Amino acid sequence: APSSVQEIAVNPEVPVIVQLRSCIVAGTQSICEWAPQGVEAGYYYGLVRNDSAGPNGTQLTGLGLQGVIASSGETIKPPPQALCRLRVPTLNVRSGPGLEFDIIAKIRGTETEPGSVVVTAVDGAASWMKVTERVARDGWVTSDPEYILCEGDLTALPVIGLPVAEATEAPAEATPEATEAPVAEAAPPVVDTPAPVETEAAPAAEEAAPVAVEEAAPATDETAPTEESTPTPETPQVPEGLARIVVNNPFDQQIRFTLDQRYRPERENLSGEWDLMPGDAVAILVYPGTVAFSVSTPWRGLSDNAEFVIAEKEERDLWIWFVPDPVEKDRWNLQF
């Protein structure tokens, strides 16, 4: 039986949020955070403490509210959910369960405290988890234990979407809609299906750089096989007062290249973001001088910023990838 019962008057027309504490304990030290949880008017909730083992010998302690009795007297079953903690500094939240979906939010930790998130469902392959709306509406994060660890039984969470055996056929219909933007040309869970749908774009994600050469060759085969080196003369000259960068992704993971509008004259890409699959490249006109940019990848949740100086009329290739830090374990550095 509960030690005490307290009723709180609330306005049923307004969302009710309760702040609950969760802590990570290591020896005599502990770090705590307060996270909001929504409740509904007219229900009785039980305040439950959950203790579980955390990474590196730590202890995770959290408080949660579980629905007990509705105003009608009916016992209610609490919705399943799980508390997860990051193993990386930053984790991307996407608008759907896959790398082909846009990044809509980021979960970040601090130097002393890992980021955390509550998940409420999984996809059919159990490789992506849906987060609560306080993080992002219809947001999803990877379930890879290399990046995130969860408490409780994830198999008890609701499954959204088709099981993995059927999901390999469904993307064949969904791919044409997603491929309207370059970010959805290929996604790791469905790399086998885009090939029959997108006969030109999908192979670039499977074979990376070699395919880029094979795709360029047919354009010149009809004239002369020796004209594989002709793209350079065909490239438009750099306009006066500008410079050009060609961003290449030699990395074996998808990356997102971000360039602020103040560094470039073009207005077609208002977001200033380009998603590049392995082997992809994009040419961008920029203003001469110092150019700052950022790069991120859903793999390991890596991201970093950098800058370079470019002269007027100059054209420069940027080869961007991440390499392991030689000193700090589990840290990757941006190289270009």
C-alpha atoms as a PDB file:
ATOM      1  CA  ALA A   1       0.000   0.000   0.000  1.00  0.00           C
ATOM      2  CA  PRO A   2       1.233   3.539  -0.677  1.00  0.00           C
ATOM      3  CA  SER A   3       2.666   5.457   2.263  1.00  0.00           C
ATOM      4  CA  SER A   4       0.471   8.466   1.465  1.00  0.00           C
ATOM      5  CA  VAL A   5      -1.965   9.772  -1.133  1.00  0.00           C
ATOM      6  CA  GLN A   6      -2.078  13.378  -2.253  1.00  0.00           C
ATOM      7  CA  GLU A   7      -4.609  14.819  -4.683  1.00  0.00           C
ATOM      8  CA  ILE A   8      -3.643  17.860  -6.748  1.00  0.00           C
ATOM      9  CA  ALA A   9      -6.183  20.141  -8.418  1.00  0.00           C
ATOM     10  CA  VAL A  10      -5.317  20.802 -12.066  1.00  0.00           C
ATOM     11  CA  ASN A  11      -6.930  22.394 -15.096  1.00  0.00           C
ATOM     12  CA  PRO A  12      -7.964  19.559 -17.473  1.00  0.00           C
ATOM     13  CA  GLU A  13      -7.695  21.964 -20.421  1.00  0.00           C
ATOM     14  CA  VAL A  14      -3.962  22.490 -19.855  1.00  0.00           C
ATOM     15  CA  PRO A  15      -1.216  19.829 -20.158  1.00  0.00           C
ATOM     16  CA  VAL A  16       0.052  18.698 -16.759  1.00  0.00           C
ATOM     17  CA  ILE A  17       3.814  18.180 -16.441  1.00  0.00           C
ATOM     18  CA  VAL A  18       5.581  16.638 -13.438  1.00  0.00           C
ATOM     19  CA  GLN A  19       9.349  16.949 -12.986  1.00  0.00           C
ATOM     20  CA  LEU A  20      10.978  13.659 -11.920  1.00  0.00           C
ATOM     21  CA  ARG A  21      14.532  13.061 -10.773  1.00  0.00           C
ATOM     22  CA  SER A  22      16.970  10.456 -12.090  1.00  0.00           C
ATOM     23  CA  CYS A  23      20.573   9.966 -10.964  1.00  0.00           C
ATOM     24  CA  ILE A  24      23.713   8.109 -11.951  1.00  0.00           C
ATOM     25  CA  VAL A  25      25.794   7.043  -8.940  1.00  0.00           C
ATOM     26  CA  ALA A  26      29.474   6.119  -8.985  1.00  0.00           C
ATOM     27  CA  GLY A  27      30.812   5.273  -5.531  1.00  0.00           C
ATOM     28  CA  THR A  28      30.154   8.246  -3.261  1.00  0.00           C
ATOM     29  CA  GLN A  29      29.487  10.633  -6.142  1.00  0.00           C
ATOM     30  CA  SER A  30      26.185  11.123  -7.919  1.00  0.00           C
ATOM     31  CA  ILE A  31      24.863  13.318 -10.717  1.00  0.00           C
ATOM     32  CA  CYS A  32      21.139  13.943 -11.052  1.00  0.00           C
ATOM     33  CA  GLU A  33      18.810  15.564 -13.541  1.00  0.00           C
ATOM     34  CA  TRP A  34      15.144  16.483 -13.611  1.00  0.00           C
ATOM     35  CA  ALA A  35      13.073  15.351 -16.556  1.00  0.00           C
ATOM     36  CA  PRO A  36       9.429  16.212 -17.303  1.00  0.00           C
ATOM     37  CA  GLN A  37       6.701  13.582 -17.574  1.00  0.00           C
ATOM     38  CA  GLY A  38       3.174  14.275 -18.728  1.00  0.00           C
ATOM     39  CA  VAL A  39       0.165  13.075 -16.727  1.00  0.00           C
ATOM     40  CA  GLU A  40      -3.579  13.158 -17.329  1.00  0.00           C
ATOM     41  CA  ALA A  41      -6.173  14.735 -15.079  1.00  0.00           C
ATOM     42  CA  GLY A  42      -8.525  12.348 -13.282  1.00  0.00           C
ATOM     43  CA  TYR A  43      -5.997   9.572 -12.731  1.00  0.00           C
ATOM     44  CA  TYR A  44      -4.109   8.293  -9.704  1.00  0.00           C
ATOM     45  CA  TYR A  45      -0.406   7.718 -10.232  1.00  0.00           C
ATOM     46  CA  GLY A  46       2.142   5.816  -8.223  1.00  0.00           C
ATOM     47  CA  LEU A  47       5.624   7.243  -7.694  1.00  0.00           C
ATOM     48  CA  VAL A  48       7.966   4.332  -8.389  1.00  0.00           C
ATOM     49  CA  ARG A  49      11.705   4.131  -7.929  1.00  0.00           C
ATOM     50  CA  ASN A  50      13.723   2.134 -10.462  1.00  0.00           C
ATOM     51  CA  ASP A  51      17.291   0.992  -9.777  1.00  0.00           C
ATOM     52  CA  SER A  52      19.485  -0.649 -12.395  1.00  0.00           C
ATOM     53  CA  ALA A  53      23.129  -1.189 -13.242  1.00  0.00           C
ATOM     54  CA  GLY A  54      24.726   1.474 -15.424  1.00  0.00           C
ATOM     55  CA  PRO A  55      27.861   1.512 -17.577  1.00  0.00           C
ATOM     56  CA  ASN A  56      31.339   1.208 -16.042  1.00  0.00           C
ATOM     57  CA  GLY A  57      30.117  -0.022 -12.661  1.00  0.00           C
ATOM     58  CA  THR A  58      27.693   2.847 -12.028  1.00  0.00           C
ATOM     59  CA  GLN A  59      24.169   2.647 -10.621  1.00  0.00           C
ATOM     60  CA  LEU A  60      21.157   4.265 -12.301  1.00  0.00           C
ATOM     61  CA  THR A  61      18.346   5.450 -10.048  1.00  0.00           C
ATOM     62  CA  GLY A  62      15.209   7.022 -11.438  1.00  0.00           C
ATOM     63  CA  LEU A  63      11.731   7.999 -10.327  1.00  0.00           C
ATOM     64  CA  GLY A  64       8.747   7.372 -12.549  1.00  0.00           C
ATOM     65  CA  LEU A  65       4.992   7.803 -12.455  1.00  0.00           C
ATOM     66  CA  GLN A  66       2.833   4.782 -13.199  1.00  0.00           C
ATOM     67  CA  GLY A  67      -0.897   5.068 -13.691  1.00  0.00           C
ATOM     68  CA  VAL A  68      -2.731   3.101 -11.020  1.00  0.00           C
ATOM     69  CA  ILE A  69      -6.456   3.927 -11.003  1.00  0.00           C
ATOM     70  CA  ALA A  70      -8.628   6.030 -13.295  1.00  0.00           C
ATOM     71  CA  SER A  71     -11.293   8.370 -11.960  1.00  0.00           C
ATOM     72  CA  SER A  72     -13.865   5.661 -12.761  1.00  0.00           C
ATOM     73  CA  GLY A  73     -12.110   3.240 -10.398  1.00  0.00           C
ATOM     74  CA  GLU A  74     -10.733   1.115 -13.234  1.00  0.00           C
ATOM     75  CA  THR A  75      -7.161  -0.064 -12.838  1.00  0.00           C
ATOM     76  CA  ILE A  76      -5.090   1.261 -15.732  1.00  0.00           C
ATOM     77  CA  LYS A  77      -2.054  -0.241 -17.354  1.00  0.00           C
ATOM     78  CA  PRO A  78       0.880   2.167 -17.713  1.00  0.00           C
ATOM     79  CA  PRO A  79       2.194   2.670 -21.246  1.00  0.00           C
ATOM     80  CA  PRO A  80       5.498   0.857 -21.774  1.00  0.00           C
ATOM     81  CA  GLN A  81       8.611   2.971 -22.022  1.00  0.00           C
ATOM     82  CA  ALA A  82      12.330   2.689 -21.373  1.00  0.00           C
ATOM     83  CA  LEU A  83      14.997   5.073 -20.141  1.00  0.00           C
ATOM     84  CA  CYS A  84      18.123   5.149 -22.294  1.00  0.00           C
ATOM     85  CA  ARG A  85      21.484   6.841 -21.771  1.00  0.00           C
ATOM     86  CA  LEU A  86      23.963   7.872 -24.425  1.00  0.00           C
ATOM     87  CA  ARG A  87      27.403   6.355 -24.797  1.00  0.00           C
ATOM     88  CA  VAL A  88      28.433   9.157 -27.161  1.00  0.00           C
ATOM     89  CA  PRO A  89      28.505  12.941 -26.631  1.00  0.00           C
ATOM     90  CA  THR A  90      25.738  13.651 -29.159  1.00  0.00           C
ATOM     91  CA  LEU A  91      23.039  11.519 -30.777  1.00  0.00           C
ATOM     92  CA  ASN A  92      20.911  12.612 -33.732  1.00  0.00           C
ATOM     93  CA  VAL A  93      17.123  12.430 -33.607  1.00  0.00           C
ATOM     94  CA  ARG A  94      15.551  11.790 -37.007  1.00  0.00           C
ATOM     95  CA  SER A  95      12.047  12.269 -38.348  1.00  0.00           C
ATOM     96  CA  GLY A  96      11.702   8.535 -39.025  1.00  0.00           C
ATOM     97  CA  PRO A  97      13.338   5.159 -38.329  1.00  0.00           C
ATOM     98  CA  GLY A  98      16.252   5.318 -40.763  1.00  0.00           C
ATOM     99  CA  LEU A  99      19.259   7.298 -41.936  1.00  0.00           C
ATOM    100  CA  GLU A 100      17.286   8.520 -44.932  1.00  0.00           C
ATOM    101  CA  PHE A 101      15.163  10.732 -42.655  1.00  0.00           C
ATOM    102  CA  ASP A 102      16.115  14.295 -41.728  1.00  0.00           C
ATOM    103  CA  ILE A 103      17.784  15.202 -38.441  1.00  0.00           C
ATOM    104  CA  ILE A 104      15.201  17.162 -36.436  1.00  0.00           C
ATOM    105  CA  ALA A 105      16.902  17.348 -33.026  1.00  0.00           C
ATOM    106  CA  LYS A 106      20.000  16.288 -31.121  1.00  0.00           C
ATOM    107  CA  ILE A 107      20.414  14.715 -27.687  1.00  0.00           C
ATOM    108  CA  ARG A 108      23.536  15.943 -25.943  1.00  0.00           C
ATOM    109  CA  GLY A 109      25.303  15.103 -22.729  1.00  0.00           C
ATOM    110  CA  THR A 110      27.882  17.070 -20.797  1.00  0.00           C
ATOM    111  CA  GLU A 111      31.473  16.400 -19.814  1.00  0.00           C
ATOM    112  CA  THR A 112      30.276  14.941 -16.512  1.00  0.00           C
ATOM    113  CA  GLU A 113      26.832  13.584 -17.360  1.00  0.00           C
ATOM    114  CA  PRO A 114      25.698  11.440 -20.299  1.00  0.00           C
ATOM    115  CA  GLY A 115      22.631  12.458 -22.265  1.00  0.00           C
ATOM    116  CA  SER A 116      19.423  10.518 -21.615  1.00  0.00           C
ATOM    117  CA  VAL A 117      16.130   9.966 -23.397  1.00  0.00           C
ATOM    118  CA  VAL A 118      12.876   8.089 -22.805  1.00  0.00           C
ATOM    119  CA  VAL A 119      11.735   5.841 -25.663  1.00  0.00           C
ATOM    120  CA  THR A 120       8.197   4.585 -26.191  1.00  0.00           C
ATOM    121  CA  ALA A 121       8.305   2.274 -29.247  1.00  0.00           C
ATOM    122  CA  VAL A 122      10.593   0.470 -31.698  1.00  0.00           C
ATOM    123  CA  ASP A 123      10.472  -0.086 -35.441  1.00  0.00           C
ATOM    124  CA  GLY A 124       9.877  -3.461 -37.082  1.00  0.00           C
ATOM    125  CA  ALA A 125      13.580  -4.280 -37.160  1.00  0.00           C
ATOM    126  CA  ALA A 126      14.095  -3.107 -33.547  1.00  0.00           C
ATOM    127  CA  SER A 127      17.007  -1.010 -34.812  1.00  0.00           C
ATOM    128  CA  TRP A 128      15.334   2.367 -34.161  1.00  0.00           C
ATOM    129  CA  MET A 129      13.430   3.672 -31.136  1.00  0.00           C
ATOM    130  CA  LYS A 130      10.778   6.377 -30.949  1.00  0.00           C
ATOM    131  CA  VAL A 131      11.439   9.128 -28.398  1.00  0.00           C
ATOM    132  CA  THR A 132       8.943  11.057 -26.316  1.00  0.00           C
ATOM    133  CA  GLU A 133       7.440  14.241 -27.697  1.00  0.00           C
ATOM    134  CA  ARG A 134       9.359  16.349 -25.201  1.00  0.00           C
ATOM    135  CA  VAL A 135      12.467  15.507 -27.221  1.00  0.00           C
ATOM    136  CA  ALA A 136      10.934  15.682 -30.699  1.00  0.00           C
ATOM    137  CA  ARG A 137       7.537  14.987 -32.167  1.00  0.00           C
ATOM    138  CA  ASP A 138       7.728  11.710 -34.132  1.00  0.00           C
ATOM    139  CA  GLY A 139      11.459  11.547 -33.436  1.00  0.00           C
ATOM    140  CA  TRP A 140      13.573   8.383 -33.695  1.00  0.00           C
ATOM    141  CA  VAL A 141      17.047   7.383 -32.468  1.00  0.00           C
ATOM    142  CA  THR A 142      19.190   4.360 -33.204  1.00  0.00           C
ATOM    143  CA  SER A 143      19.070   1.413 -30.788  1.00  0.00           C
ATOM    144  CA  ASP A 144      22.669   0.370 -31.485  1.00  0.00           C
ATOM    145  CA  PRO A 145      24.192  -0.446 -28.053  1.00  0.00           C
ATOM    146  CA  GLU A 146      27.457   1.068 -29.244  1.00  0.00           C
ATOM    147  CA  TYR A 147      25.802   4.487 -28.993  1.00  0.00           C
ATOM    148  CA  ILE A 148      22.996   4.078 -26.462  1.00  0.00           C
ATOM    149  CA  LEU A 149      22.091   1.761 -23.557  1.00  0.00           C
ATOM    150  CA  CYS A 150      18.538   1.285 -22.310  1.00  0.00           C
ATOM    151  CA  GLU A 151      17.054   0.032 -19.065  1.00  0.00           C
ATOM    152  CA  GLY A 152      14.273  -2.528 -19.024  1.00  0.00           C
ATOM    153  CA  ASP A 153      12.948  -4.842 -21.719  1.00  0.00           C
ATOM    154  CA  LEU A 154      12.805  -3.179 -25.133  1.00  0.00           C
ATOM    155  CA  THR A 155      10.801  -6.123 -26.498  1.00  0.00           C
ATOM    156  CA  ALA A 156       7.883  -4.950 -24.349  1.00  0.00           C
ATOM    157  CA  LEU A 157       7.661  -1.667 -26.290  1.00  0.00           C
ATOM    158  CA  PRO A 158       5.061  -1.306 -29.070  1.00  0.00           C
ATOM    159  CA  VAL A 159       6.292  -2.060 -32.587  1.00  0.00           C
ATOM    160  CA  ILE A 160       5.625   0.594 -35.224  1.00  0.00           C
ATOM    161  CA  GLY A 161       5.977  -0.524 -38.828  1.00  0.00           C
ATOM    162  CA  LEU A 162       6.453  -3.879 -40.508  1.00  0.00           C
ATOM    163  CA  PRO A 163       8.612  -6.690 -39.126  1.00  0.00           C
ATOM    164  CA  VAL A 164      12.068  -6.869 -40.619  1.00  0.00           C
ATOM    165  CA  ALA A 165      11.093  -9.769 -42.932  1.00  0.00           C
ATOM    166  CA  GLU A 166       8.435  -7.653 -44.612  1.00  0.00           C
ATOM    167  CA  ALA A 167      10.147  -4.286 -44.388  1.00  0.00           C
ATOM    168  CA  THR A 168      12.537  -5.224 -47.195  1.00  0.00           C
ATOM    169  CA  GLU A 169       9.685  -5.053 -49.700  1.00  0.00           C
ATOM    170  CA  ALA A 170       7.911  -1.944 -48.462  1.00  0.00           C
ATOM    171  CA  PRO A 171      10.731   0.551 -49.166  1.00  0.00           C
ATOM    172  CA  ALA A 172      10.446  -0.213 -52.893  1.00  0.00           C
ATOM    173  CA  GLU A 173       7.285   1.901 -52.876  1.00  0.00           C
ATOM    174  CA  ALA A 174       8.459   4.439 -50.325  1.00  0.00           C
ATOM    175  CA  THR A 175      11.832   5.104 -51.940  1.00  0.00           C
ATOM    176  CA  PRO A 176      10.576   7.203 -54.903  1.00  0.00           C
ATOM    177  CA  GLU A 177       9.049   9.722 -52.497  1.00  0.00           C
ATOM    178  CA  ALA A 178      12.148   9.927 -50.351  1.00  0.00           C
ATOM    179  CA  THR A 179      14.516  10.231 -53.275  1.00  0.00           C
ATOM    180  CA  GLU A 180      13.168  13.642 -54.186  1.00  0.00           C
ATOM    181  CA  ALA A 181      15.933  14.936 -51.900  1.00  0.00           C
ATOM    182  CA  PRO A 182      19.537  13.725 -52.045  1.00  0.00           C
ATOM    183  CA  VAL A 183      19.473  12.656 -48.412  1.00  0.00           C
ATOM    184  CA  ALA A 184      17.222   9.719 -49.176  1.00  0.00           C
ATOM    185  CA  GLU A 185      19.065   8.173 -52.090  1.00  0.00           C
ATOM    186  CA  ALA A 186      19.991   5.224 -49.933  1.00  0.00           C
ATOM    187  CA  ALA A 187      19.596   4.053 -46.355  1.00  0.00           C
ATOM    188  CA  PRO A 188      21.513   1.244 -44.658  1.00  0.00           C
ATOM    189  CA  PRO A 189      18.413  -0.803 -43.646  1.00  0.00           C
ATOM    190  CA  VAL A 190      17.208  -0.971 -47.268  1.00  0.00           C
ATOM    191  CA  VAL A 191      20.331  -0.825 -49.394  1.00  0.00           C
ATOM    192  CA  ASP A 192      19.209  -3.900 -51.332  1.00  0.00           C
ATOM    193  CA  THR A 193      15.863  -2.483 -52.467  1.00  0.00           C
ATOM    194  CA  PRO A 194      16.698   0.958 -53.921  1.00  0.00           C
ATOM    195  CA  ALA A 195      18.766  -0.668 -56.698  1.00  0.00           C
ATOM    196  CA  PRO A 196      15.796  -1.798 -58.844  1.00  0.00           C
ATOM    197  CA  VAL A 197      13.953   1.439 -58.153  1.00  0.00           C
ATOM    198  CA  GLU A 198      16.688   4.007 -58.659  1.00  0.00           C
ATOM    199  CA  THR A 199      18.988   2.494 -61.248  1.00  0.00           C
ATOM    200  CA  GLU A 200      21.392   5.439 -61.130  1.00  0.00           C
ATOM    201  CA  ALA A 201      21.297   6.832 -57.592  1.00  0.00           C
ATOM    202  CA  ALA A 202      21.140   3.670 -55.451  1.00  0.00           C
ATOM    203  CA  PRO A 203      24.374   2.024 -56.626  1.00  0.00           C
ATOM    204  CA  ALA A 204      26.335   5.058 -55.439  1.00  0.00           C
ATOM    205  CA  ALA A 205      25.573   4.076 -51.852  1.00  0.00           C
ATOM    206  CA  GLU A 206      26.561   0.448 -52.384  1.00  0.00           C
ATOM    207  CA  GLU A 207      29.806   0.809 -54.318  1.00  0.00           C
ATOM    208  CA  ALA A 208      30.862   4.347 -53.354  1.00  0.00           C
ATOM    209  CA  ALA A 209      33.642   5.833 -55.456  1.00  0.00           C
ATOM    210  CA  PRO A 210      33.950   3.085 -58.143  1.00  0.00           C
ATOM    211  CA  VAL A 211      30.330   3.582 -59.156  1.00  0.00           C
ATOM    212  CA  ALA A 212      30.829   7.305 -59.561  1.00  0.00           C
ATOM    213  CA  VAL A 213      33.411   6.527 -62.257  1.00  0.00           C
ATOM    214  CA  GLU A 214      31.159   3.986 -63.944  1.00  0.00           C
ATOM    215  CA  GLU A 215      28.229   6.410 -63.999  1.00  0.00           C
ATOM    216  CA  ALA A 216      30.346   9.150 -65.567  1.00  0.00           C
ATOM    217  CA  ALA A 217      31.764   6.870 -68.264  1.00  0.00           C
ATOM    218  CA  PRO A 218      28.541   6.227 -70.273  1.00  0.00           C
ATOM    219  CA  ALA A 219      28.192   9.934 -70.984  1.00  0.00           C
ATOM    220  CA  THR A 220      31.446   9.845 -72.938  1.00  0.00           C
ATOM    221  CA  ASP A 221      31.452   6.279 -74.300  1.00  0.00           C
ATOM    222  CA  GLU A 222      29.411   7.292 -77.342  1.00  0.00           C
ATOM    223  CA  THR A 223      31.982   9.870 -78.401  1.00  0.00           C
ATOM    224  CA  ALA A 224      35.386   8.546 -77.341  1.00  0.00           C
ATOM    225  CA  PRO A 225      36.417   6.174 -74.517  1.00  0.00           C
ATOM    226  CA  THR A 226      39.468   8.290 -73.809  1.00  0.00           C
ATOM    227  CA  GLU A 227      37.396  11.282 -72.699  1.00  0.00           C
ATOM    228  CA  GLU A 228      37.027  10.125 -69.073  1.00  0.00           C
ATOM    229  CA  SER A 229      39.250  13.048 -68.097  1.00  0.00           C
ATOM    230  CA  THR A 230      36.979  15.618 -69.783  1.00  0.00           C
ATOM    231  CA  PRO A 231      34.868  16.631 -66.707  1.00  0.00           C
ATOM    232  CA  THR A 232      37.441  19.295 -65.832  1.00  0.00           C
ATOM    233  CA  PRO A 233      37.019  21.278 -69.104  1.00  0.00           C
ATOM    234  CA  GLU A 234      33.241  20.844 -68.900  1.00  0.00           C
ATOM    235  CA  THR A 235      33.076  22.283 -65.370  1.00  0.00           C
ATOM    236  CA  PRO A 236      31.819  25.877 -65.513  1.00  0.00           C
ATOM    237  CA  GLN A 237      34.425  28.471 -64.731  1.00  0.00           C
ATOM    238  CA  VAL A 238      34.355  30.068 -61.306  1.00  0.00           C
ATOM    239  CA  PRO A 239      32.494  33.407 -61.569  1.00  0.00           C
ATOM    240  CA  GLU A 240      34.295  36.641 -60.804  1.00  0.00           C
ATOM    241  CA  GLY A 241      34.398  37.499 -57.119  1.00  0.00           C
ATOM    242  CA  LEU A 242      33.689  33.911 -56.038  1.00  0.00           C
ATOM    243  CA  ALA A 243      35.427  30.599 -55.386  1.00  0.00           C
ATOM    244  CA  ARG A 244      34.279  27.000 -55.596  1.00  0.00           C
ATOM    245  CA  ILE A 245      34.637  24.056 -53.227  1.00  0.00           C
ATOM    246  CA  VAL A 246      33.933  20.437 -54.115  1.00  0.00           C
ATOM    247  CA  VAL A 247      32.979  18.506 -50.983  1.00  0.00           C
ATOM    248  CA  ASN A 248      33.801  14.786 -51.236  1.00  0.00           C
ATOM    249  CA  ASN A 249      32.821  11.999 -48.846  1.00  0.00           C
ATOM    250  CA  PRO A 250      35.520   9.282 -48.829  1.00  0.00           C
ATOM    251  CA  PHE A 251      34.230   8.149 -45.421  1.00  0.00           C
ATOM    252  CA  ASP A 252      32.424   4.810 -45.264  1.00  0.00           C
ATOM    253  CA  GLN A 253      29.428   6.433 -43.550  1.00  0.00           C
ATOM    254  CA  GLN A 254      26.872   9.072 -44.494  1.00  0.00           C
ATOM    255  CA  ILE A 255      27.858  12.626 -43.560  1.00  0.00           C
ATOM    256  CA  ARG A 256      26.031  15.947 -43.459  1.00  0.00           C
ATOM    257  CA  PHE A 257      27.975  19.024 -44.613  1.00  0.00           C
ATOM    258  CA  THR A 258      26.590  22.321 -43.283  1.00  0.00           C
ATOM    259  CA  LEU A 259      27.575  25.746 -44.636  1.00  0.00           C
ATOM    260  CA  ASP A 260      26.000  28.977 -43.428  1.00  0.00           C
ATOM    261  CA  GLN A 261      24.323  31.258 -45.991  1.00  0.00           C
ATOM    262  CA  ARG A 262      26.758  34.095 -45.283  1.00  0.00           C
ATOM    263  CA  TYR A 263      29.564  32.117 -46.935  1.00  0.00           C
ATOM    264  CA  ARG A 264      27.748  31.361 -50.215  1.00  0.00           C
ATOM    265  CA  PRO A 265      25.751  33.319 -52.805  1.00  0.00           C
ATOM    266  CA  GLU A 266      23.388  30.523 -53.852  1.00  0.00           C
ATOM    267  CA  ARG A 267      19.856  30.583 -52.462  1.00  0.00           C
ATOM    268  CA  GLU A 268      18.502  27.282 -53.766  1.00  0.00           C
ATOM    269  CA  ASN A 269      19.475  25.345 -50.637  1.00  0.00           C
ATOM    270  CA  LEU A 270      18.143  27.539 -47.852  1.00  0.00           C
ATOM    271  CA  SER A 271      18.986  25.015 -45.143  1.00  0.00           C
ATOM    272  CA  GLY A 272      22.667  25.042 -46.092  1.00  0.00           C
ATOM    273  CA  GLU A 273      22.857  21.278 -45.519  1.00  0.00           C
ATOM    274  CA  TRP A 274      24.023  18.567 -47.911  1.00  0.00           C
ATOM    275  CA  ASP A 275      23.739  14.869 -47.032  1.00  0.00           C
ATOM    276  CA  LEU A 276      26.451  12.860 -48.776  1.00  0.00           C
ATOM    277  CA  MET A 277      26.547   9.097 -48.966  1.00  0.00           C
ATOM    278  CA  PRO A 278      29.951   7.350 -49.234  1.00  0.00           C
ATOM    279  CA  GLY A 279      31.548   8.373 -52.538  1.00  0.00           C
ATOM    280  CA  ASP A 280      29.206  11.332 -53.117  1.00  0.00           C
ATOM    281  CA  ALA A 281      30.417  14.856 -53.922  1.00  0.00           C
ATOM    282  CA  VAL A 282      28.823  18.290 -54.275  1.00  0.00           C
ATOM    283  CA  ALA A 283      30.160  21.550 -55.765  1.00  0.00           C
ATOM    284  CA  ILE A 284      29.336  24.786 -53.917  1.00  0.00           C
ATOM    285  CA  LEU A 285      30.153  28.390 -54.850  1.00  0.00           C
ATOM    286  CA  VAL A 286      31.500  30.384 -51.890  1.00  0.00           C
ATOM    287  CA  TYR A 287      32.762  33.880 -51.192  1.00  0.00           C
ATOM    288  CA  PRO A 288      36.576  34.143 -51.027  1.00  0.00           C
ATOM    289  CA  GLY A 289      38.148  34.471 -47.600  1.00  0.00           C
ATOM    290  CA  THR A 290      37.601  32.458 -44.440  1.00  0.00           C
ATOM    291  CA  VAL A 291      34.886  29.807 -44.767  1.00  0.00           C
ATOM    292  CA  ALA A 292      33.599  27.984 -41.676  1.00  0.00           C
ATOM    293  CA  PHE A 293      31.622  24.755 -41.908  1.00  0.00           C
ATOM    294  CA  SER A 294      30.413  21.843 -39.799  1.00  0.00           C
ATOM    295  CA  VAL A 295      30.181  18.121 -40.466  1.00  0.00           C
ATOM    296  CA  SER A 296      28.109  15.474 -38.711  1.00  0.00           C
ATOM    297  CA  THR A 297      27.324  11.805 -39.181  1.00  0.00           C
ATOM    298  CA  PRO A 298      24.767   9.529 -37.510  1.00  0.00           C
ATOM    299  CA  TRP A 299      27.522   6.963 -37.109  1.00  0.00           C
ATOM    300  CA  ARG A 300      28.657   7.246 -33.486  1.00  0.00           C
ATOM    301  CA  GLY A 301      26.878  10.619 -33.386  1.00  0.00           C
ATOM    302  CA  LEU A 302      30.050  12.385 -34.522  1.00  0.00           C
ATOM    303  CA  SER A 303      30.138  16.094 -35.338  1.00  0.00           C
ATOM    304  CA  ASP A 304      32.750  18.832 -35.539  1.00  0.00           C
ATOM    305  CA  ASN A 305      33.454  22.321 -36.913  1.00  0.00           C
ATOM    306  CA  ALA A 306      36.347  23.622 -39.002  1.00  0.00           C
ATOM    307  CA  GLU A 307      37.332  26.490 -41.303  1.00  0.00           C
ATOM    308  CA  PHE A 308      39.696  27.242 -44.164  1.00  0.00           C
ATOM    309  CA  VAL A 309      40.800  30.201 -46.302  1.00  0.00           C
ATOM    310  CA  ILE A 310      40.158  30.252 -50.048  1.00  0.00           C
ATOM    311  CA  ALA A 311      41.200  32.816 -52.664  1.00  0.00           C
ATOM    312  CA  GLU A 312      39.066  34.403 -55.381  1.00  0.00           C
ATOM    313  CA  LYS A 313      38.594  32.174 -58.465  1.00  0.00           C
ATOM    314  CA  GLU A 314      40.177  29.269 -56.583  1.00  0.00           C
ATOM    315  CA  GLU A 315      38.625  25.811 -56.802  1.00  0.00           C
ATOM    316  CA  ARG A 316      39.389  23.434 -53.969  1.00  0.00           C
ATOM    317  CA  ASP A 317      38.527  19.789 -53.237  1.00  0.00           C
ATOM    318  CA  LEU A 318      37.534  19.045 -49.644  1.00  0.00           C
ATOM    319  CA  TRP A 319      37.850  15.381 -48.684  1.00  0.00           C
ATOM    320  CA  ILE A 320      36.039  14.969 -45.384  1.00  0.00           C
ATOM    321  CA  TRP A 321      36.168  12.042 -42.979  1.00  0.00           C
ATOM    322  CA  PHE A 322      36.637  11.176 -39.297  1.00  0.00           C
ATOM    323  CA  VAL A 323      39.649   9.365 -37.812  1.00  0.00           C
ATOM    324  CA  PRO A 324      40.171   7.876 -34.313  1.00  0.00           C
ATOM    325  CA  ASP A 325      41.950  10.098 -31.827  1.00  0.00           C
ATOM    326  CA  PRO A 326      45.435   8.662 -31.168  1.00  0.00           C
ATOM    327  CA  VAL A 327      45.253   9.474 -27.457  1.00  0.00           C
ATOM    328  CA  GLU A 328      41.658   9.661 -26.243  1.00  0.00           C
ATOM    329  CA  LYS A 329      39.679   6.437 -26.540  1.00  0.00           C
ATOM    330  CA  ASP A 330      36.261   6.526 -28.258  1.00  0.00           C
ATOM    331  CA  ARG A 331      36.996   9.977 -29.678  1.00  0.00           C
ATOM    332  CA  TRP A 332      37.038  10.686 -33.413  1.00  0.00           C
ATOM    333  CA  ASN A 333      38.493  13.791 -35.072  1.00  0.00           C
ATOM    334  CA  LEU A 334      37.402  15.567 -38.235  1.00  0.00           C
ATOM    335  CA  GLN A 335      39.918  15.512 -41.092  1.00  0.00           C
ATOM    336  CA  PHE A 336      39.748  17.441 -44.375  1.00  0.00           C
END
